[in-house]
Amino acid sequence: MASTAGVESSVFVGKEDDIIQSKRKTAVVHGRHVVVIYHEGQFYAMDMHCYHAGGPLHLGDIEEINGKLCIVCPWHKYKITLAEGEGLYQGINPQAPKSSAKWCSKGVKQRTHCVHVRNGDVYVTLSDLSAGIDSDYYQSEEYRQTLKKASNT
């Protein structure tokens, strides 16, 4: 099993048939909130809160954009590839005549994780957490304290 910055074990998140039927499953894996998605015969896992503003990705729609499967954050419609966590946006060149919009990459913004199925059980192994990316903030103690303060007011 691959090293995951100090976490060397997969965590059981549910039964394969149940996740296939529901299409989504949220879970806590070693203290990290993740969503497991089943789409078109494939399992994906990523941080549950959108990298942009913490939106609930488990409630997002799935769309194919520029040949890539993406989850669309329900809050601000940010598009994130399921496989890599890449943020996509439509860019235009306002200086080019009759320019049409094309899909561009913001780079990896959402942390994705490995999903394994063994004997009908689904497990998630966290990715290497040593290099920080945008979605990490919404997994932090700082963010949890912000949520706690907001719920107490």
N, C-alpha and C. Protein backbone atom coordinates (compact mmCIF):
# COMPACT_ATOMS: atom_id res chain seq x y z
N MET A 1 0.84 -1.18 0.00
CA MET A 1 0.00 0.00 0.00
C MET A 1 0.88 1.24 0.00
N ALA A 2 0.48 2.26 -0.74
CA ALA A 2 1.28 3.47 -0.88
C ALA A 2 1.26 4.29 0.40
N SER A 3 2.37 4.95 0.66
CA SER A 3 2.44 5.83 1.83
C SER A 3 1.57 7.05 1.59
N THR A 4 0.91 7.51 2.63
CA THR A 4 0.05 8.69 2.51
C THR A 4 0.42 9.69 3.60
N ALA A 5 1.68 10.07 3.62
CA ALA A 5 2.19 11.05 4.58
C ALA A 5 1.86 10.65 6.01
N GLY A 6 2.26 9.46 6.39
CA GLY A 6 2.06 9.01 7.76
C GLY A 6 0.84 8.13 7.94
N VAL A 7 -0.04 8.09 6.97
CA VAL A 7 -1.22 7.23 7.06
C VAL A 7 -1.02 6.11 6.05
N GLU A 8 -0.86 4.89 6.55
CA GLU A 8 -0.52 3.80 5.64
C GLU A 8 -1.64 2.80 5.47
N SER A 9 -2.85 3.17 5.82
CA SER A 9 -3.92 2.19 5.71
C SER A 9 -5.15 2.75 5.01
N SER A 10 -5.81 1.84 4.33
CA SER A 10 -7.08 2.17 3.71
C SER A 10 -8.17 2.11 4.77
N VAL A 11 -9.24 2.84 4.53
CA VAL A 11 -10.36 2.86 5.46
C VAL A 11 -11.61 2.38 4.71
N PHE A 12 -12.32 1.45 5.32
CA PHE A 12 -13.58 0.96 4.78
C PHE A 12 -14.59 2.09 4.79
N VAL A 13 -15.23 2.34 3.62
CA VAL A 13 -16.21 3.42 3.54
C VAL A 13 -17.61 2.94 3.19
N GLY A 14 -17.74 1.67 2.77
CA GLY A 14 -19.07 1.17 2.47
C GLY A 14 -19.03 -0.06 1.59
N LYS A 15 -20.21 -0.62 1.38
CA LYS A 15 -20.35 -1.79 0.52
C LYS A 15 -20.46 -1.32 -0.93
N GLU A 16 -19.81 -2.05 -1.80
CA GLU A 16 -19.77 -1.72 -3.22
C GLU A 16 -21.18 -1.55 -3.79
N ASP A 17 -22.06 -2.51 -3.55
CA ASP A 17 -23.42 -2.45 -4.10
C ASP A 17 -24.19 -1.23 -3.60
N ASP A 18 -24.01 -0.88 -2.33
CA ASP A 18 -24.70 0.29 -1.77
C ASP A 18 -24.24 1.58 -2.43
N ILE A 19 -22.92 1.71 -2.63
CA ILE A 19 -22.40 2.94 -3.24
C ILE A 19 -22.78 3.00 -4.71
N ILE A 20 -22.76 1.87 -5.40
CA ILE A 20 -23.19 1.85 -6.80
C ILE A 20 -24.65 2.32 -6.90
N GLN A 21 -25.48 1.84 -6.00
CA GLN A 21 -26.90 2.20 -6.03
C GLN A 21 -27.11 3.68 -5.69
N SER A 22 -26.43 4.18 -4.67
CA SER A 22 -26.64 5.57 -4.24
C SER A 22 -25.85 6.57 -5.06
N LYS A 23 -24.79 6.12 -5.73
CA LYS A 23 -23.90 6.94 -6.56
C LYS A 23 -22.94 7.82 -5.76
N ARG A 24 -23.24 8.08 -4.49
CA ARG A 24 -22.38 8.95 -3.66
C ARG A 24 -22.34 8.40 -2.24
N LYS A 25 -21.23 8.64 -1.59
CA LYS A 25 -21.09 8.26 -0.18
C LYS A 25 -20.11 9.23 0.45
N THR A 26 -20.50 9.84 1.55
CA THR A 26 -19.56 10.68 2.29
C THR A 26 -18.98 9.84 3.42
N ALA A 27 -17.74 10.15 3.77
CA ALA A 27 -17.07 9.39 4.82
C ALA A 27 -15.97 10.26 5.42
N VAL A 28 -15.52 9.86 6.59
CA VAL A 28 -14.36 10.48 7.22
C VAL A 28 -13.25 9.44 7.18
N VAL A 29 -12.15 9.81 6.54
CA VAL A 29 -11.00 8.91 6.39
C VAL A 29 -9.82 9.55 7.11
N HIS A 30 -9.43 8.95 8.22
CA HIS A 30 -8.33 9.48 9.04
C HIS A 30 -8.54 10.97 9.31
N GLY A 31 -9.76 11.35 9.68
CA GLY A 31 -10.08 12.73 10.04
C GLY A 31 -10.37 13.64 8.86
N ARG A 32 -10.30 13.14 7.66
CA ARG A 32 -10.51 13.95 6.45
C ARG A 32 -11.88 13.62 5.87
N HIS A 33 -12.67 14.64 5.55
CA HIS A 33 -14.00 14.46 4.98
C HIS A 33 -13.87 14.27 3.47
N VAL A 34 -14.34 13.11 2.99
CA VAL A 34 -14.24 12.79 1.57
C VAL A 34 -15.61 12.39 1.03
N VAL A 35 -15.73 12.47 -0.28
CA VAL A 35 -16.90 11.96 -0.97
C VAL A 35 -16.40 10.89 -1.94
N VAL A 36 -17.09 9.76 -1.93
CA VAL A 36 -16.81 8.68 -2.89
C VAL A 36 -17.94 8.73 -3.90
N ILE A 37 -17.57 8.74 -5.17
CA ILE A 37 -18.52 8.88 -6.26
C ILE A 37 -18.40 7.66 -7.16
N TYR A 38 -19.55 7.10 -7.53
CA TYR A 38 -19.58 6.02 -8.52
C TYR A 38 -20.24 6.58 -9.77
N HIS A 39 -19.51 6.53 -10.89
CA HIS A 39 -20.06 7.06 -12.13
C HIS A 39 -19.52 6.25 -13.30
N GLU A 40 -20.42 5.77 -14.14
CA GLU A 40 -20.08 5.04 -15.36
C GLU A 40 -19.06 3.93 -15.11
N GLY A 41 -19.33 3.12 -14.08
CA GLY A 41 -18.50 1.94 -13.82
C GLY A 41 -17.20 2.21 -13.08
N GLN A 42 -17.00 3.42 -12.61
CA GLN A 42 -15.73 3.80 -11.96
C GLN A 42 -16.00 4.47 -10.62
N PHE A 43 -15.13 4.20 -9.65
CA PHE A 43 -15.18 4.87 -8.36
C PHE A 43 -14.15 5.99 -8.34
N TYR A 44 -14.52 7.10 -7.71
CA TYR A 44 -13.63 8.24 -7.51
C TYR A 44 -13.77 8.69 -6.06
N ALA A 45 -12.72 9.29 -5.51
CA ALA A 45 -12.80 9.88 -4.17
C ALA A 45 -12.05 11.20 -4.18
N MET A 46 -12.62 12.17 -3.48
CA MET A 46 -11.98 13.48 -3.36
C MET A 46 -12.43 14.14 -2.07
N ASP A 47 -11.72 15.19 -1.69
CA ASP A 47 -12.15 15.97 -0.54
C ASP A 47 -13.59 16.43 -0.78
N MET A 48 -14.39 16.39 0.28
CA MET A 48 -15.82 16.64 0.14
C MET A 48 -16.16 18.11 -0.08
N HIS A 49 -15.32 19.02 0.43
CA HIS A 49 -15.62 20.46 0.33
C HIS A 49 -14.85 21.07 -0.84
N CYS A 50 -15.56 21.81 -1.68
CA CYS A 50 -14.98 22.43 -2.87
C CYS A 50 -13.83 23.37 -2.48
N TYR A 51 -12.79 23.36 -3.28
CA TYR A 51 -11.61 24.18 -3.03
C TYR A 51 -11.90 25.68 -3.05
N HIS A 52 -12.96 26.10 -3.71
CA HIS A 52 -13.23 27.53 -3.87
C HIS A 52 -13.82 28.16 -2.61
N ALA A 53 -14.89 27.59 -2.09
CA ALA A 53 -15.56 28.19 -0.92
C ALA A 53 -16.14 27.15 0.02
N GLY A 54 -15.69 25.91 -0.11
CA GLY A 54 -16.15 24.86 0.81
C GLY A 54 -17.49 24.26 0.46
N GLY A 55 -17.96 24.45 -0.76
CA GLY A 55 -19.26 23.92 -1.17
C GLY A 55 -19.34 22.40 -1.06
N PRO A 56 -20.56 21.86 -0.90
CA PRO A 56 -20.77 20.42 -0.69
C PRO A 56 -20.73 19.64 -2.01
N LEU A 57 -19.56 19.13 -2.37
CA LEU A 57 -19.41 18.45 -3.65
C LEU A 57 -20.28 17.20 -3.76
N HIS A 58 -20.65 16.60 -2.64
CA HIS A 58 -21.49 15.39 -2.71
C HIS A 58 -22.88 15.71 -3.28
N LEU A 59 -23.21 16.99 -3.37
CA LEU A 59 -24.50 17.40 -3.93
C LEU A 59 -24.37 17.91 -5.37
N GLY A 60 -23.15 17.89 -5.91
CA GLY A 60 -22.92 18.42 -7.26
C GLY A 60 -23.32 17.45 -8.36
N ASP A 61 -23.62 18.03 -9.52
CA ASP A 61 -23.92 17.25 -10.72
C ASP A 61 -22.62 16.82 -11.39
N ILE A 62 -22.70 15.74 -12.16
CA ILE A 62 -21.54 15.28 -12.93
C ILE A 62 -21.79 15.62 -14.39
N GLU A 63 -20.79 16.21 -15.03
CA GLU A 63 -20.87 16.58 -16.43
C GLU A 63 -19.58 16.19 -17.13
N GLU A 64 -19.67 15.91 -18.40
CA GLU A 64 -18.46 15.72 -19.19
C GLU A 64 -18.10 17.06 -19.80
N ILE A 65 -16.90 17.51 -19.54
CA ILE A 65 -16.45 18.80 -20.05
C ILE A 65 -15.11 18.58 -20.75
N ASN A 66 -15.10 18.92 -22.02
CA ASN A 66 -13.87 18.80 -22.80
C ASN A 66 -13.26 17.40 -22.71
N GLY A 67 -14.14 16.39 -22.69
CA GLY A 67 -13.70 15.01 -22.65
C GLY A 67 -13.32 14.49 -21.27
N LYS A 68 -13.56 15.28 -20.23
CA LYS A 68 -13.22 14.87 -18.86
C LYS A 68 -14.48 14.88 -18.01
N LEU A 69 -14.62 13.85 -17.16
CA LEU A 69 -15.74 13.84 -16.21
C LEU A 69 -15.45 14.80 -15.08
N CYS A 70 -16.42 15.66 -14.79
CA CYS A 70 -16.26 16.68 -13.76
C CYS A 70 -17.44 16.67 -12.81
N ILE A 71 -17.17 17.06 -11.57
CA ILE A 71 -18.24 17.36 -10.64
C ILE A 71 -18.38 18.88 -10.65
N VAL A 72 -19.62 19.35 -10.60
CA VAL A 72 -19.89 20.78 -10.63
C VAL A 72 -20.38 21.18 -9.24
N CYS A 73 -19.62 22.06 -8.60
CA CYS A 73 -19.99 22.49 -7.25
C CYS A 73 -21.35 23.18 -7.29
N PRO A 74 -22.27 22.77 -6.42
CA PRO A 74 -23.62 23.37 -6.44
C PRO A 74 -23.66 24.83 -5.99
N TRP A 75 -22.64 25.30 -5.30
CA TRP A 75 -22.67 26.69 -4.83
C TRP A 75 -22.32 27.69 -5.92
N HIS A 76 -21.19 27.51 -6.58
CA HIS A 76 -20.71 28.52 -7.54
C HIS A 76 -20.38 27.94 -8.91
N LYS A 77 -20.78 26.68 -9.14
CA LYS A 77 -20.64 26.03 -10.45
C LYS A 77 -19.19 25.82 -10.89
N TYR A 78 -18.27 25.75 -9.94
CA TYR A 78 -16.89 25.42 -10.28
C TYR A 78 -16.85 23.98 -10.78
N LYS A 79 -16.04 23.76 -11.83
CA LYS A 79 -15.94 22.44 -12.44
C LYS A 79 -14.61 21.80 -12.04
N ILE A 80 -14.69 20.56 -11.52
CA ILE A 80 -13.52 19.87 -11.01
C ILE A 80 -13.49 18.46 -11.60
N THR A 81 -12.38 18.08 -12.22
CA THR A 81 -12.29 16.75 -12.81
C THR A 81 -12.29 15.70 -11.70
N LEU A 82 -13.04 14.63 -11.95
CA LEU A 82 -13.15 13.56 -10.94
C LEU A 82 -11.83 12.83 -10.74
N ALA A 83 -11.11 12.59 -11.80
CA ALA A 83 -9.90 11.77 -11.71
C ALA A 83 -8.70 12.51 -11.12
N GLU A 84 -8.52 13.78 -11.48
CA GLU A 84 -7.32 14.49 -11.06
C GLU A 84 -7.55 15.62 -10.05
N GLY A 85 -8.80 16.11 -9.94
CA GLY A 85 -9.05 17.26 -9.08
C GLY A 85 -8.66 18.58 -9.73
N GLU A 86 -8.59 18.56 -11.05
CA GLU A 86 -8.19 19.74 -11.81
C GLU A 86 -9.36 20.71 -11.92
N GLY A 87 -9.13 21.98 -11.67
CA GLY A 87 -10.15 23.00 -11.86
C GLY A 87 -10.19 23.43 -13.31
N LEU A 88 -11.38 23.45 -13.91
CA LEU A 88 -11.54 23.86 -15.30
C LEU A 88 -12.37 25.14 -15.38
N TYR A 89 -12.07 25.96 -16.36
CA TYR A 89 -12.86 27.17 -16.60
C TYR A 89 -12.86 27.47 -18.09
N GLN A 90 -13.84 28.24 -18.52
CA GLN A 90 -13.91 28.65 -19.92
C GLN A 90 -13.22 30.00 -20.06
N GLY A 91 -12.20 30.01 -20.89
CA GLY A 91 -11.45 31.24 -21.12
C GLY A 91 -11.66 31.74 -22.53
N ILE A 92 -11.59 33.05 -22.66
CA ILE A 92 -11.68 33.66 -24.00
C ILE A 92 -10.54 34.66 -24.13
N ASN A 93 -10.16 34.92 -25.35
CA ASN A 93 -9.18 35.96 -25.64
C ASN A 93 -9.95 37.13 -26.21
N PRO A 94 -10.18 38.16 -25.41
CA PRO A 94 -10.99 39.29 -25.88
C PRO A 94 -10.33 40.07 -27.01
N GLN A 95 -9.03 39.88 -27.22
CA GLN A 95 -8.32 40.60 -28.26
C GLN A 95 -8.37 39.88 -29.61
N ALA A 96 -8.73 38.59 -29.58
CA ALA A 96 -8.78 37.82 -30.83
C ALA A 96 -10.12 38.05 -31.51
N PRO A 97 -10.10 38.25 -32.81
CA PRO A 97 -11.38 38.44 -33.52
C PRO A 97 -12.21 37.15 -33.50
N LYS A 98 -13.49 37.32 -33.25
CA LYS A 98 -14.42 36.19 -33.24
C LYS A 98 -13.91 35.04 -32.37
N SER A 99 -13.34 35.41 -31.26
CA SER A 99 -12.79 34.41 -30.35
C SER A 99 -13.92 33.61 -29.71
N SER A 100 -13.73 32.32 -29.65
CA SER A 100 -14.71 31.49 -28.95
C SER A 100 -14.08 30.99 -27.66
N ALA A 101 -14.92 30.74 -26.70
CA ALA A 101 -14.44 30.26 -25.40
C ALA A 101 -13.87 28.87 -25.55
N LYS A 102 -12.82 28.59 -24.79
CA LYS A 102 -12.27 27.24 -24.75
C LYS A 102 -11.99 26.88 -23.30
N TRP A 103 -12.02 25.58 -23.03
CA TRP A 103 -11.79 25.10 -21.67
C TRP A 103 -10.31 25.16 -21.35
N CYS A 104 -10.01 25.70 -20.17
CA CYS A 104 -8.63 25.85 -19.71
C CYS A 104 -8.51 25.24 -18.31
N SER A 105 -7.29 24.97 -17.92
CA SER A 105 -7.03 24.36 -16.61
C SER A 105 -6.49 25.39 -15.63
N LYS A 106 -6.96 25.30 -14.39
CA LYS A 106 -6.40 26.07 -13.29
C LYS A 106 -5.31 25.27 -12.58
N GLY A 107 -5.14 24.01 -13.00
CA GLY A 107 -4.24 23.09 -12.29
C GLY A 107 -5.03 22.30 -11.26
N VAL A 108 -4.33 21.46 -10.53
CA VAL A 108 -4.99 20.64 -9.51
C VAL A 108 -5.34 21.53 -8.32
N LYS A 109 -6.62 21.57 -8.00
CA LYS A 109 -7.14 22.40 -6.92
C LYS A 109 -7.83 21.58 -5.83
N GLN A 110 -8.35 20.41 -6.21
CA GLN A 110 -9.12 19.55 -5.31
C GLN A 110 -8.34 18.27 -5.08
N ARG A 111 -8.14 17.89 -3.83
CA ARG A 111 -7.38 16.67 -3.54
C ARG A 111 -8.23 15.45 -3.83
N THR A 112 -7.67 14.54 -4.63
CA THR A 112 -8.32 13.26 -4.92
C THR A 112 -7.61 12.16 -4.14
N HIS A 113 -8.30 11.04 -3.97
CA HIS A 113 -7.78 9.92 -3.19
C HIS A 113 -8.01 8.62 -3.94
N CYS A 114 -7.30 7.57 -3.54
CA CYS A 114 -7.41 6.26 -4.20
C CYS A 114 -8.58 5.47 -3.63
N VAL A 115 -9.31 4.81 -4.51
CA VAL A 115 -10.42 3.94 -4.11
C VAL A 115 -10.06 2.52 -4.52
N HIS A 116 -10.27 1.58 -3.60
CA HIS A 116 -10.01 0.16 -3.87
C HIS A 116 -11.25 -0.63 -3.49
N VAL A 117 -11.58 -1.63 -4.28
CA VAL A 117 -12.69 -2.52 -3.97
C VAL A 117 -12.11 -3.91 -3.74
N ARG A 118 -12.45 -4.48 -2.57
CA ARG A 118 -12.01 -5.84 -2.24
C ARG A 118 -13.18 -6.61 -1.67
N ASN A 119 -13.51 -7.70 -2.32
CA ASN A 119 -14.58 -8.59 -1.84
C ASN A 119 -15.88 -7.84 -1.55
N GLY A 120 -16.22 -6.89 -2.42
CA GLY A 120 -17.47 -6.15 -2.27
C GLY A 120 -17.41 -5.00 -1.27
N ASP A 121 -16.24 -4.77 -0.68
CA ASP A 121 -16.07 -3.65 0.24
C ASP A 121 -15.26 -2.55 -0.45
N VAL A 122 -15.63 -1.30 -0.20
CA VAL A 122 -14.95 -0.16 -0.80
C VAL A 122 -14.09 0.52 0.26
N TYR A 123 -12.84 0.76 -0.11
CA TYR A 123 -11.86 1.39 0.78
C TYR A 123 -11.29 2.64 0.12
N VAL A 124 -10.95 3.62 0.94
CA VAL A 124 -10.27 4.83 0.45
C VAL A 124 -8.93 4.94 1.15
N THR A 125 -7.91 5.23 0.35
CA THR A 125 -6.58 5.52 0.85
C THR A 125 -6.29 6.97 0.51
N LEU A 126 -5.93 7.75 1.51
CA LEU A 126 -5.64 9.16 1.27
C LEU A 126 -4.43 9.32 0.36
N SER A 127 -4.46 10.36 -0.45
CA SER A 127 -3.31 10.69 -1.29
C SER A 127 -2.21 11.27 -0.42
N ASP A 128 -1.06 11.47 -1.01
CA ASP A 128 0.08 12.05 -0.30
C ASP A 128 -0.29 13.49 0.09
N LEU A 129 -0.32 13.76 1.37
CA LEU A 129 -0.76 15.06 1.86
C LEU A 129 0.40 16.04 2.07
N SER A 130 1.62 15.66 1.68
CA SER A 130 2.78 16.48 1.99
C SER A 130 2.81 17.80 1.22
N ALA A 131 2.31 17.83 -0.01
CA ALA A 131 2.26 19.07 -0.79
C ALA A 131 0.86 19.64 -0.70
N GLY A 132 0.74 20.86 -0.21
CA GLY A 132 -0.57 21.47 -0.01
C GLY A 132 -1.22 21.91 -1.31
N ILE A 133 -2.54 21.77 -1.37
CA ILE A 133 -3.34 22.30 -2.48
C ILE A 133 -4.56 23.01 -1.90
N ASP A 134 -5.30 23.68 -2.74
CA ASP A 134 -6.37 24.58 -2.29
C ASP A 134 -7.42 23.91 -1.40
N SER A 135 -7.86 22.70 -1.73
CA SER A 135 -8.95 22.08 -0.96
C SER A 135 -8.52 21.70 0.45
N ASP A 136 -7.22 21.70 0.72
CA ASP A 136 -6.73 21.33 2.06
C ASP A 136 -7.26 22.27 3.15
N TYR A 137 -7.46 23.54 2.81
CA TYR A 137 -7.94 24.49 3.82
C TYR A 137 -9.24 24.02 4.46
N TYR A 138 -10.13 23.44 3.67
CA TYR A 138 -11.44 23.03 4.17
C TYR A 138 -11.39 21.73 4.97
N GLN A 139 -10.19 21.19 5.15
CA GLN A 139 -9.97 20.03 6.01
C GLN A 139 -9.24 20.43 7.28
N SER A 140 -8.87 21.69 7.39
CA SER A 140 -8.01 22.17 8.47
C SER A 140 -8.77 22.43 9.77
N GLU A 141 -8.04 22.43 10.84
CA GLU A 141 -8.61 22.78 12.15
C GLU A 141 -9.06 24.24 12.14
N GLU A 142 -8.34 25.10 11.44
CA GLU A 142 -8.74 26.51 11.34
C GLU A 142 -10.15 26.64 10.75
N TYR A 143 -10.43 25.88 9.68
CA TYR A 143 -11.75 25.93 9.06
C TYR A 143 -12.80 25.35 10.00
N ARG A 144 -12.48 24.25 10.67
CA ARG A 144 -13.45 23.65 11.61
C ARG A 144 -13.80 24.62 12.73
N GLN A 145 -12.82 25.38 13.20
CA GLN A 145 -13.09 26.37 14.24
C GLN A 145 -13.97 27.51 13.70
N THR A 146 -13.73 27.89 12.45
CA THR A 146 -14.56 28.92 11.82
C THR A 146 -16.02 28.45 11.73
N LEU A 147 -16.21 27.18 11.34
CA LEU A 147 -17.57 26.64 11.27
C LEU A 147 -18.21 26.58 12.64
N LYS A 148 -17.44 26.18 13.63
CA LYS A 148 -17.97 26.08 15.00
C LYS A 148 -18.41 27.46 15.50
N LYS A 149 -17.59 28.49 15.26
CA LYS A 149 -17.94 29.85 15.68
C LYS A 149 -19.20 30.33 14.96
N ALA A 150 -19.31 30.05 13.66
CA ALA A 150 -20.47 30.48 12.88
C ALA A 150 -21.75 29.80 13.37
N SER A 151 -21.66 28.55 13.78
CA SER A 151 -22.86 27.84 14.24
C SER A 151 -23.28 28.27 15.64
N ASN A 152 -22.37 28.89 16.39
CA ASN A 152 -22.69 29.35 17.75
C ASN A 152 -23.26 30.76 17.76
N THR A 153 -23.27 31.44 16.61
CA THR A 153 -23.77 32.83 16.60
C THR A 153 -25.21 32.89 16.16
